[in-house]
Amino acid sequence: SFPQTHCPKAPSSLFDSLSTHPFILPFLNIIFRFSETNVTWGRRPSNMIGISCLSFLLPAVVWAKCFPPFGFLYFIVTITSTLSDFVFTGVNSIFHGLDKTVA
């Protein structure tokens, strides 16, 4: 007979089966780990990342003149990405969750 240890374990609940689904997992991480950082190098902000985050201001200004709602969205993306990826890099902050949600 075939040993039971080689059989895949059936999920015990709907949550268990959904929590490992590749499409659902990112959304669960946003909900349950909203303010956690996911960088492994600690508190070391990079000037290049800061410049990259602030570069979203250029399309924000252009879109603000042509189509103000898009300009506003780009401005929000600029603020959240700069605060999450540059100012609060390596430490837990609500801006990590906001950045993931806005992106």
PDB file of N, CA and C in Angstrom:
ATOM      1  N   SER A   1       0.838  -1.175   0.000  1.00  0.00           N
ATOM      2  CA  SER A   1       0.000   0.000   0.000  1.00  0.00           C
ATOM      3  C   SER A   1       0.885   1.241   0.000  1.00  0.00           C
ATOM      4  N   PHE A   2       0.308   2.335  -0.489  1.00  0.00           N
ATOM      5  CA  PHE A   2       1.021   3.609  -0.607  1.00  0.00           C
ATOM      6  C   PHE A   2       0.999   4.337   0.730  1.00  0.00           C
ATOM      7  N   PRO A   3       2.141   4.775   1.238  1.00  0.00           N
ATOM      8  CA  PRO A   3       2.149   5.470   2.542  1.00  0.00           C
ATOM      9  C   PRO A   3       1.391   6.787   2.473  1.00  0.00           C
ATOM     10  N   GLN A   4       0.681   7.112   3.512  1.00  0.00           N
ATOM     11  CA  GLN A   4      -0.123   8.332   3.569  1.00  0.00           C
ATOM     12  C   GLN A   4       0.737   9.602   3.621  1.00  0.00           C
ATOM     13  N   THR A   5       1.980   9.488   4.001  1.00  0.00           N
ATOM     14  CA  THR A   5       2.831  10.674   4.100  1.00  0.00           C
ATOM     15  C   THR A   5       3.116  11.299   2.739  1.00  0.00           C
ATOM     16  N   HIS A   6       2.923  10.550   1.648  1.00  0.00           N
ATOM     17  CA  HIS A   6       3.188  11.081   0.319  1.00  0.00           C
ATOM     18  C   HIS A   6       1.959  11.738  -0.307  1.00  0.00           C
ATOM     19  N   CYS A   7       0.840  11.672   0.353  1.00  0.00           N
ATOM     20  CA  CYS A   7      -0.382  12.280  -0.174  1.00  0.00           C
ATOM     21  C   CYS A   7      -0.422  13.751   0.211  1.00  0.00           C
ATOM     22  N   PRO A   8      -0.843  14.600  -0.720  1.00  0.00           N
ATOM     23  CA  PRO A   8      -0.947  16.023  -0.354  1.00  0.00           C
ATOM     24  C   PRO A   8      -2.014  16.237   0.698  1.00  0.00           C
ATOM     25  N   LYS A   9      -1.722  17.159   1.599  1.00  0.00           N
ATOM     26  CA  LYS A   9      -2.665  17.457   2.674  1.00  0.00           C
ATOM     27  C   LYS A   9      -3.798  18.322   2.139  1.00  0.00           C
ATOM     28  N   ALA A  10      -5.014  17.924   2.398  1.00  0.00           N
ATOM     29  CA  ALA A  10      -6.173  18.711   1.969  1.00  0.00           C
ATOM     30  C   ALA A  10      -6.305  19.926   2.866  1.00  0.00           C
ATOM     31  N   PRO A  11      -6.673  21.073   2.292  1.00  0.00           N
ATOM     32  CA  PRO A  11      -6.854  22.261   3.131  1.00  0.00           C
ATOM     33  C   PRO A  11      -7.981  22.047   4.129  1.00  0.00           C
ATOM     34  N   SER A  12      -7.752  22.518   5.353  1.00  0.00           N
ATOM     35  CA  SER A  12      -8.742  22.300   6.401  1.00  0.00           C
ATOM     36  C   SER A  12      -9.869  23.326   6.348  1.00  0.00           C
ATOM     37  N   SER A  13      -9.669  24.416   5.645  1.00  0.00           N
ATOM     38  CA  SER A  13     -10.721  25.425   5.536  1.00  0.00           C
ATOM     39  C   SER A  13     -10.567  26.172   4.219  1.00  0.00           C
ATOM     40  N   LEU A  14     -11.575  26.932   3.885  1.00  0.00           N
ATOM     41  CA  LEU A  14     -11.516  27.745   2.678  1.00  0.00           C
ATOM     42  C   LEU A  14     -10.407  28.779   2.797  1.00  0.00           C
ATOM     43  N   PHE A  15     -10.211  29.346   3.986  1.00  0.00           N
ATOM     44  CA  PHE A  15      -9.148  30.324   4.192  1.00  0.00           C
ATOM     45  C   PHE A  15      -7.782  29.703   3.930  1.00  0.00           C
ATOM     46  N   ASP A  16      -7.571  28.457   4.399  1.00  0.00           N
ATOM     47  CA  ASP A  16      -6.282  27.794   4.162  1.00  0.00           C
ATOM     48  C   ASP A  16      -6.021  27.609   2.675  1.00  0.00           C
ATOM     49  N   SER A  17      -7.050  27.252   1.923  1.00  0.00           N
ATOM     50  CA  SER A  17      -6.839  27.041   0.493  1.00  0.00           C
ATOM     51  C   SER A  17      -6.635  28.360  -0.238  1.00  0.00           C
ATOM     52  N   LEU A  18      -7.332  29.426   0.180  1.00  0.00           N
ATOM     53  CA  LEU A  18      -7.170  30.721  -0.475  1.00  0.00           C
ATOM     54  C   LEU A  18      -5.887  31.423  -0.066  1.00  0.00           C
ATOM     55  N   SER A  19      -5.423  31.200   1.162  1.00  0.00           N
ATOM     56  CA  SER A  19      -4.256  31.919   1.658  1.00  0.00           C
ATOM     57  C   SER A  19      -2.974  31.520   0.945  1.00  0.00           C
ATOM     58  N   THR A  20      -2.966  30.401   0.249  1.00  0.00           N
ATOM     59  CA  THR A  20      -1.777  29.991  -0.502  1.00  0.00           C
ATOM     60  C   THR A  20      -1.962  30.179  -2.008  1.00  0.00           C
ATOM     61  N   HIS A  21      -3.116  30.658  -2.420  1.00  0.00           N
ATOM     62  CA  HIS A  21      -3.365  30.869  -3.847  1.00  0.00           C
ATOM     63  C   HIS A  21      -2.510  32.031  -4.340  1.00  0.00           C
ATOM     64  N   PRO A  22      -1.800  31.881  -5.474  1.00  0.00           N
ATOM     65  CA  PRO A  22      -0.883  32.937  -5.928  1.00  0.00           C
ATOM     66  C   PRO A  22      -1.560  34.261  -6.265  1.00  0.00           C
ATOM     67  N   PHE A  23      -2.843  34.237  -6.594  1.00  0.00           N
ATOM     68  CA  PHE A  23      -3.543  35.487  -6.888  1.00  0.00           C
ATOM     69  C   PHE A  23      -4.030  36.170  -5.614  1.00  0.00           C
ATOM     70  N   ILE A  24      -4.401  35.404  -4.611  1.00  0.00           N
ATOM     71  CA  ILE A  24      -4.973  35.938  -3.375  1.00  0.00           C
ATOM     72  C   ILE A  24      -3.891  36.370  -2.386  1.00  0.00           C
ATOM     73  N   LEU A  25      -2.760  35.695  -2.376  1.00  0.00           N
ATOM     74  CA  LEU A  25      -1.710  35.943  -1.383  1.00  0.00           C
ATOM     75  C   LEU A  25      -1.255  37.402  -1.309  1.00  0.00           C
ATOM     76  N   PRO A  26      -1.018  38.106  -2.431  1.00  0.00           N
ATOM     77  CA  PRO A  26      -0.622  39.519  -2.311  1.00  0.00           C
ATOM     78  C   PRO A  26      -1.667  40.384  -1.618  1.00  0.00           C
ATOM     79  N   PHE A  27      -2.938  40.102  -1.853  1.00  0.00           N
ATOM     80  CA  PHE A  27      -3.988  40.883  -1.203  1.00  0.00           C
ATOM     81  C   PHE A  27      -4.037  40.606   0.295  1.00  0.00           C
ATOM     82  N   LEU A  28      -3.816  39.363   0.686  1.00  0.00           N
ATOM     83  CA  LEU A  28      -3.789  39.037   2.112  1.00  0.00           C
ATOM     84  C   LEU A  28      -2.596  39.700   2.788  1.00  0.00           C
ATOM     85  N   ASN A  29      -1.458  39.765   2.097  1.00  0.00           N
ATOM     86  CA  ASN A  29      -0.291  40.447   2.667  1.00  0.00           C
ATOM     87  C   ASN A  29      -0.574  41.928   2.869  1.00  0.00           C
ATOM     88  N   ILE A  30      -1.286  42.553   1.947  1.00  0.00           N
ATOM     89  CA  ILE A  30      -1.619  43.972   2.097  1.00  0.00           C
ATOM     90  C   ILE A  30      -2.513  44.169   3.318  1.00  0.00           C
ATOM     91  N   ILE A  31      -3.449  43.252   3.525  1.00  0.00           N
ATOM     92  CA  ILE A  31      -4.394  43.394   4.633  1.00  0.00           C
ATOM     93  C   ILE A  31      -3.739  43.099   5.974  1.00  0.00           C
ATOM     94  N   PHE A  32      -3.047  41.965   6.097  1.00  0.00           N
ATOM     95  CA  PHE A  32      -2.537  41.530   7.389  1.00  0.00           C
ATOM     96  C   PHE A  32      -1.146  42.042   7.718  1.00  0.00           C
ATOM     97  N   ARG A  33      -0.408  42.506   6.736  1.00  0.00           N
ATOM     98  CA  ARG A  33       0.934  43.050   6.969  1.00  0.00           C
ATOM     99  C   ARG A  33       1.029  44.453   6.394  1.00  0.00           C
ATOM    100  N   PHE A  34      -0.005  45.242   6.642  1.00  0.00           N
ATOM    101  CA  PHE A  34      -0.170  46.544   5.997  1.00  0.00           C
ATOM    102  C   PHE A  34       1.016  47.463   6.222  1.00  0.00           C
ATOM    103  N   SER A  35       1.491  47.559   7.438  1.00  0.00           N
ATOM    104  CA  SER A  35       2.533  48.551   7.734  1.00  0.00           C
ATOM    105  C   SER A  35       3.929  47.947   7.871  1.00  0.00           C
ATOM    106  N   GLU A  36       4.080  46.674   7.538  1.00  0.00           N
ATOM    107  CA  GLU A  36       5.395  46.043   7.678  1.00  0.00           C
ATOM    108  C   GLU A  36       6.268  46.326   6.468  1.00  0.00           C
ATOM    109  N   THR A  37       7.547  46.511   6.731  1.00  0.00           N
ATOM    110  CA  THR A  37       8.511  46.656   5.648  1.00  0.00           C
ATOM    111  C   THR A  37       8.923  45.277   5.162  1.00  0.00           C
ATOM    112  N   ASN A  38       9.332  45.172   3.914  1.00  0.00           N
ATOM    113  CA  ASN A  38       9.785  43.880   3.410  1.00  0.00           C
ATOM    114  C   ASN A  38      11.222  43.934   2.908  1.00  0.00           C
ATOM    115  N   VAL A  39      11.965  44.976   3.285  1.00  0.00           N
ATOM    116  CA  VAL A  39      13.374  45.045   2.911  1.00  0.00           C
ATOM    117  C   VAL A  39      14.213  44.307   3.937  1.00  0.00           C
ATOM    118  N   THR A  40      15.287  43.709   3.475  1.00  0.00           N
ATOM    119  CA  THR A  40      16.136  42.908   4.364  1.00  0.00           C
ATOM    120  C   THR A  40      17.398  43.644   4.799  1.00  0.00           C
ATOM    121  N   TRP A  41      17.677  44.793   4.204  1.00  0.00           N
ATOM    122  CA  TRP A  41      18.933  45.477   4.505  1.00  0.00           C
ATOM    123  C   TRP A  41      18.811  46.516   5.600  1.00  0.00           C
ATOM    124  N   GLY A  42      17.638  46.701   6.154  1.00  0.00           N
ATOM    125  CA  GLY A  42      17.478  47.620   7.277  1.00  0.00           C
ATOM    126  C   GLY A  42      17.315  49.060   6.844  1.00  0.00           C
ATOM    127  N   ARG A  43      17.603  49.954   7.747  1.00  0.00           N
ATOM    128  CA  ARG A  43      17.378  51.396   7.545  1.00  0.00           C
ATOM    129  C   ARG A  43      18.556  52.005   6.805  1.00  0.00           C
ATOM    130  N   ARG A  44      18.558  51.867   5.480  1.00  0.00           N
ATOM    131  CA  ARG A  44      19.598  52.480   4.650  1.00  0.00           C
ATOM    132  C   ARG A  44      18.959  53.085   3.413  1.00  0.00           C
ATOM    133  N   PRO A  45      18.462  54.320   3.491  1.00  0.00           N
ATOM    134  CA  PRO A  45      17.835  54.933   2.321  1.00  0.00           C
ATOM    135  C   PRO A  45      18.847  55.177   1.198  1.00  0.00           C
ATOM    136  N   SER A  46      18.404  54.944  -0.022  1.00  0.00           N
ATOM    137  CA  SER A  46      19.248  55.148  -1.191  1.00  0.00           C
ATOM    138  C   SER A  46      18.822  56.430  -1.904  1.00  0.00           C
ATOM    139  N   ASN A  47      19.804  57.266  -2.234  1.00  0.00           N
ATOM    140  CA  ASN A  47      19.499  58.500  -2.948  1.00  0.00           C
ATOM    141  C   ASN A  47      18.896  58.216  -4.325  1.00  0.00           C
ATOM    142  N   MET A  48      19.344  57.154  -4.978  1.00  0.00           N
ATOM    143  CA  MET A  48      18.797  56.803  -6.294  1.00  0.00           C
ATOM    144  C   MET A  48      17.322  56.428  -6.190  1.00  0.00           C
ATOM    145  N   ILE A  49      16.960  55.710  -5.146  1.00  0.00           N
ATOM    146  CA  ILE A  49      15.547  55.356  -4.956  1.00  0.00           C
ATOM    147  C   ILE A  49      14.736  56.606  -4.664  1.00  0.00           C
ATOM    148  N   GLY A  50      15.278  57.521  -3.870  1.00  0.00           N
ATOM    149  CA  GLY A  50      14.594  58.783  -3.604  1.00  0.00           C
ATOM    150  C   GLY A  50      14.363  59.591  -4.871  1.00  0.00           C
ATOM    151  N   ILE A  51      15.369  59.656  -5.732  1.00  0.00           N
ATOM    152  CA  ILE A  51      15.229  60.365  -7.005  1.00  0.00           C
ATOM    153  C   ILE A  51      14.205  59.664  -7.886  1.00  0.00           C
ATOM    154  N   SER A  52      14.246  58.341  -7.900  1.00  0.00           N
ATOM    155  CA  SER A  52      13.285  57.575  -8.691  1.00  0.00           C
ATOM    156  C   SER A  52      11.854  57.839  -8.227  1.00  0.00           C
ATOM    157  N   CYS A  53      11.646  57.861  -6.921  1.00  0.00           N
ATOM    158  CA  CYS A  53      10.301  58.135  -6.385  1.00  0.00           C
ATOM    159  C   CYS A  53       9.840  59.536  -6.741  1.00  0.00           C
ATOM    160  N   LEU A  54      10.729  60.489  -6.612  1.00  0.00           N
ATOM    161  CA  LEU A  54      10.365  61.884  -6.904  1.00  0.00           C
ATOM    162  C   LEU A  54      10.193  62.148  -8.398  1.00  0.00           C
ATOM    163  N   SER A  55      10.703  61.240  -9.241  1.00  0.00           N
ATOM    164  CA  SER A  55      10.555  61.430 -10.683  1.00  0.00           C
ATOM    165  C   SER A  55       9.105  61.351 -11.134  1.00  0.00           C
ATOM    166  N   PHE A  56       8.215  60.806 -10.287  1.00  0.00           N
ATOM    167  CA  PHE A  56       6.792  60.775 -10.616  1.00  0.00           C
ATOM    168  C   PHE A  56       6.170  62.175 -10.577  1.00  0.00           C
ATOM    169  N   LEU A  57       6.903  63.165 -10.080  1.00  0.00           N
ATOM    170  CA  LEU A  57       6.369  64.532 -10.080  1.00  0.00           C
ATOM    171  C   LEU A  57       6.255  65.104 -11.493  1.00  0.00           C
ATOM    172  N   LEU A  58       7.152  64.685 -12.390  1.00  0.00           N
ATOM    173  CA  LEU A  58       7.103  65.200 -13.760  1.00  0.00           C
ATOM    174  C   LEU A  58       5.787  64.834 -14.449  1.00  0.00           C
ATOM    175  N   PRO A  59       5.386  63.550 -14.491  1.00  0.00           N
ATOM    176  CA  PRO A  59       4.077  63.268 -15.094  1.00  0.00           C
ATOM    177  C   PRO A  59       2.926  63.867 -14.287  1.00  0.00           C
ATOM    178  N   ALA A  60       3.114  64.041 -12.988  1.00  0.00           N
ATOM    179  CA  ALA A  60       2.054  64.664 -12.181  1.00  0.00           C
ATOM    180  C   ALA A  60       1.791  66.087 -12.655  1.00  0.00           C
ATOM    181  N   VAL A  61       2.860  66.836 -12.927  1.00  0.00           N
ATOM    182  CA  VAL A  61       2.711  68.222 -13.385  1.00  0.00           C
ATOM    183  C   VAL A  61       2.091  68.255 -14.783  1.00  0.00           C
ATOM    184  N   VAL A  62       2.560  67.374 -15.673  1.00  0.00           N
ATOM    185  CA  VAL A  62       2.031  67.341 -17.034  1.00  0.00           C
ATOM    186  C   VAL A  62       0.549  66.968 -17.030  1.00  0.00           C
ATOM    187  N   TRP A  63       0.202  65.910 -16.296  1.00  0.00           N
ATOM    188  CA  TRP A  63      -1.198  65.472 -16.249  1.00  0.00           C
ATOM    189  C   TRP A  63      -2.078  66.485 -15.526  1.00  0.00           C
ATOM    190  N   ALA A  64      -1.527  67.211 -14.569  1.00  0.00           N
ATOM    191  CA  ALA A  64      -2.331  68.204 -13.844  1.00  0.00           C
ATOM    192  C   ALA A  64      -2.835  69.294 -14.793  1.00  0.00           C
ATOM    193  N   LYS A  65      -2.045  69.619 -15.796  1.00  0.00           N
ATOM    194  CA  LYS A  65      -2.457  70.640 -16.764  1.00  0.00           C
ATOM    195  C   LYS A  65      -3.449  70.077 -17.788  1.00  0.00           C
ATOM    196  N   CYS A  66      -3.260  68.821 -18.191  1.00  0.00           N
ATOM    197  CA  CYS A  66      -4.095  68.228 -19.239  1.00  0.00           C
ATOM    198  C   CYS A  66      -5.360  67.571 -18.678  1.00  0.00           C
ATOM    199  N   PHE A  67      -5.184  66.803 -17.614  1.00  0.00           N
ATOM    200  CA  PHE A  67      -6.298  66.054 -17.028  1.00  0.00           C
ATOM    201  C   PHE A  67      -6.067  65.973 -15.521  1.00  0.00           C
ATOM    202  N   PRO A  68      -6.585  66.928 -14.763  1.00  0.00           N
ATOM    203  CA  PRO A  68      -6.274  67.071 -13.337  1.00  0.00           C
ATOM    204  C   PRO A  68      -6.455  65.801 -12.481  1.00  0.00           C
ATOM    205  N   PRO A  69      -7.459  64.947 -12.716  1.00  0.00           N
ATOM    206  CA  PRO A  69      -7.549  63.749 -11.869  1.00  0.00           C
ATOM    207  C   PRO A  69      -6.314  62.848 -11.967  1.00  0.00           C
ATOM    208  N   PHE A  70      -5.762  62.691 -13.178  1.00  0.00           N
ATOM    209  CA  PHE A  70      -4.543  61.887 -13.319  1.00  0.00           C
ATOM    210  C   PHE A  70      -3.359  62.570 -12.632  1.00  0.00           C
ATOM    211  N   GLY A  71      -3.290  63.883 -12.739  1.00  0.00           N
ATOM    212  CA  GLY A  71      -2.223  64.613 -12.060  1.00  0.00           C
ATOM    213  C   GLY A  71      -2.280  64.408 -10.558  1.00  0.00           C
ATOM    214  N   PHE A  72      -3.485  64.425 -10.003  1.00  0.00           N
ATOM    215  CA  PHE A  72      -3.665  64.191  -8.573  1.00  0.00           C
ATOM    216  C   PHE A  72      -3.224  62.779  -8.197  1.00  0.00           C
ATOM    217  N   LEU A  73      -3.596  61.780  -9.012  1.00  0.00           N
ATOM    218  CA  LEU A  73      -3.189  60.392  -8.720  1.00  0.00           C
ATOM    219  C   LEU A  73      -1.669  60.236  -8.764  1.00  0.00           C
ATOM    220  N   TYR A  74      -1.027  60.840  -9.768  1.00  0.00           N
ATOM    221  CA  TYR A  74       0.439  60.773  -9.830  1.00  0.00           C
ATOM    222  C   TYR A  74       1.073  61.467  -8.626  1.00  0.00           C
ATOM    223  N   PHE A  75       0.478  62.550  -8.176  1.00  0.00           N
ATOM    224  CA  PHE A  75       0.988  63.245  -6.995  1.00  0.00           C
ATOM    225  C   PHE A  75       0.888  62.344  -5.762  1.00  0.00           C
ATOM    226  N   ILE A  76      -0.232  61.644  -5.599  1.00  0.00           N
ATOM    227  CA  ILE A  76      -0.407  60.710  -4.469  1.00  0.00           C
ATOM    228  C   ILE A  76       0.611  59.576  -4.553  1.00  0.00           C
ATOM    229  N   VAL A  77       0.824  59.038  -5.755  1.00  0.00           N
ATOM    230  CA  VAL A  77       1.829  57.974  -5.937  1.00  0.00           C
ATOM    231  C   VAL A  77       3.212  58.493  -5.560  1.00  0.00           C
ATOM    232  N   THR A  78       3.528  59.717  -5.950  1.00  0.00           N
ATOM    233  CA  THR A  78       4.828  60.311  -5.617  1.00  0.00           C
ATOM    234  C   THR A  78       5.018  60.402  -4.110  1.00  0.00           C
ATOM    235  N   ILE A  79       4.003  60.884  -3.419  1.00  0.00           N
ATOM    236  CA  ILE A  79       4.098  61.052  -1.964  1.00  0.00           C
ATOM    237  C   ILE A  79       4.243  59.699  -1.277  1.00  0.00           C
ATOM    238  N   THR A  80       3.359  58.747  -1.608  1.00  0.00           N
ATOM    239  CA  THR A  80       3.402  57.449  -0.909  1.00  0.00           C
ATOM    240  C   THR A  80       4.674  56.678  -1.224  1.00  0.00           C
ATOM    241  N   SER A  81       5.123  56.693  -2.471  1.00  0.00           N
ATOM    242  CA  SER A  81       6.336  55.937  -2.792  1.00  0.00           C
ATOM    243  C   SER A  81       7.572  56.564  -2.147  1.00  0.00           C
ATOM    244  N   THR A  82       7.646  57.899  -2.117  1.00  0.00           N
ATOM    245  CA  THR A  82       8.790  58.557  -1.486  1.00  0.00           C
ATOM    246  C   THR A  82       8.825  58.272   0.017  1.00  0.00           C
ATOM    247  N   LEU A  83       7.671  58.366   0.662  1.00  0.00           N
ATOM    248  CA  LEU A  83       7.630  58.111   2.102  1.00  0.00           C
ATOM    249  C   LEU A  83       7.910  56.640   2.417  1.00  0.00           C
ATOM    250  N   SER A  84       7.380  55.729   1.610  1.00  0.00           N
ATOM    251  CA  SER A  84       7.573  54.307   1.877  1.00  0.00           C
ATOM    252  C   SER A  84       8.988  53.831   1.537  1.00  0.00           C
ATOM    253  N   ASP A  85       9.458  54.160   0.333  1.00  0.00           N
ATOM    254  CA  ASP A  85      10.705  53.579  -0.173  1.00  0.00           C
ATOM    255  C   ASP A  85      11.954  54.381   0.156  1.00  0.00           C
ATOM    256  N   PHE A  86      11.792  55.637   0.577  1.00  0.00           N
ATOM    257  CA  PHE A  86      12.965  56.449   0.891  1.00  0.00           C
ATOM    258  C   PHE A  86      12.987  56.906   2.344  1.00  0.00           C
ATOM    259  N   VAL A  87      11.941  57.579   2.785  1.00  0.00           N
ATOM    260  CA  VAL A  87      11.932  58.154   4.130  1.00  0.00           C
ATOM    261  C   VAL A  87      11.837  57.066   5.201  1.00  0.00           C
ATOM    262  N   PHE A  88      10.917  56.120   5.029  1.00  0.00           N
ATOM    263  CA  PHE A  88      10.695  55.084   6.039  1.00  0.00           C
ATOM    264  C   PHE A  88      11.200  53.712   5.598  1.00  0.00           C
ATOM    265  N   THR A  89      12.221  53.669   4.776  1.00  0.00           N
ATOM    266  CA  THR A  89      12.751  52.385   4.327  1.00  0.00           C
ATOM    267  C   THR A  89      13.358  51.625   5.502  1.00  0.00           C
ATOM    268  N   GLY A  90      13.065  50.351   5.579  1.00  0.00           N
ATOM    269  CA  GLY A  90      13.638  49.497   6.615  1.00  0.00           C
ATOM    270  C   GLY A  90      12.945  49.534   7.958  1.00  0.00           C
ATOM    271  N   VAL A  91      11.952  50.395   8.133  1.00  0.00           N
ATOM    272  CA  VAL A  91      11.197  50.447   9.391  1.00  0.00           C
ATOM    273  C   VAL A  91       9.712  50.307   9.078  1.00  0.00           C
ATOM    274  N   ASN A  92       8.965  49.761  10.010  1.00  0.00           N
ATOM    275  CA  ASN A  92       7.529  49.606   9.804  1.00  0.00           C
ATOM    276  C   ASN A  92       6.851  50.968   9.806  1.00  0.00           C
ATOM    277  N   SER A  93       5.967  51.169   8.840  1.00  0.00           N
ATOM    278  CA  SER A  93       5.254  52.436   8.702  1.00  0.00           C
ATOM    279  C   SER A  93       3.972  52.199   7.919  1.00  0.00           C
ATOM    280  N   ILE A  94       2.968  52.980   8.211  1.00  0.00           N
ATOM    281  CA  ILE A  94       1.689  52.873   7.497  1.00  0.00           C
ATOM    282  C   ILE A  94       1.874  53.192   6.015  1.00  0.00           C
ATOM    283  N   PHE A  95       2.925  53.924   5.661  1.00  0.00           N
ATOM    284  CA  PHE A  95       3.131  54.308   4.273  1.00  0.00           C
ATOM    285  C   PHE A  95       3.488  53.133   3.371  1.00  0.00           C
ATOM    286  N   HIS A  96       3.999  52.021   3.931  1.00  0.00           N
ATOM    287  CA  HIS A  96       4.267  50.836   3.128  1.00  0.00           C
ATOM    288  C   HIS A  96       2.951  50.254   2.593  1.00  0.00           C
ATOM    289  N   GLY A  97       1.957  50.163   3.453  1.00  0.00           N
ATOM    290  CA  GLY A  97       0.652  49.664   3.020  1.00  0.00           C
ATOM    291  C   GLY A  97      -0.032  50.614   2.057  1.00  0.00           C
ATOM    292  N   LEU A  98       0.070  51.907   2.328  1.00  0.00           N
ATOM    293  CA  LEU A  98      -0.529  52.894   1.432  1.00  0.00           C
ATOM    294  C   LEU A  98       0.129  52.870   0.063  1.00  0.00           C
ATOM    295  N   ASP A  99       1.456  52.707   0.047  1.00  0.00           N
ATOM    296  CA  ASP A  99       2.184  52.637  -1.214  1.00  0.00           C
ATOM    297  C   ASP A  99       1.740  51.419  -2.028  1.00  0.00           C
ATOM    298  N   LYS A 100       1.623  50.268  -1.372  1.00  0.00           N
ATOM    299  CA  LYS A 100       1.182  49.055  -2.081  1.00  0.00           C
ATOM    300  C   LYS A 100      -0.251  49.199  -2.569  1.00  0.00           C
ATOM    301  N   THR A 101      -1.086  49.832  -1.797  1.00  0.00           N
ATOM    302  CA  THR A 101      -2.490  50.005  -2.186  1.00  0.00           C
ATOM    303  C   THR A 101      -2.615  50.959  -3.361  1.00  0.00           C
ATOM    304  N   VAL A 102      -1.899  52.073  -3.322  1.00  0.00           N
ATOM    305  CA  VAL A 102      -1.969  53.063  -4.401  1.00  0.00           C
ATOM    306  C   VAL A 102      -1.364  52.500  -5.682  1.00  0.00           C
ATOM    307  N   ALA A 103      -0.265  51.783  -5.552  1.00  0.00           N
ATOM    308  CA  ALA A 103       0.401  51.226  -6.747  1.00  0.00           C
ATOM    309  C   ALA A 103      -0.495  50.218  -7.408  1.00  0.00           C
TER     310      ALA A 103
END
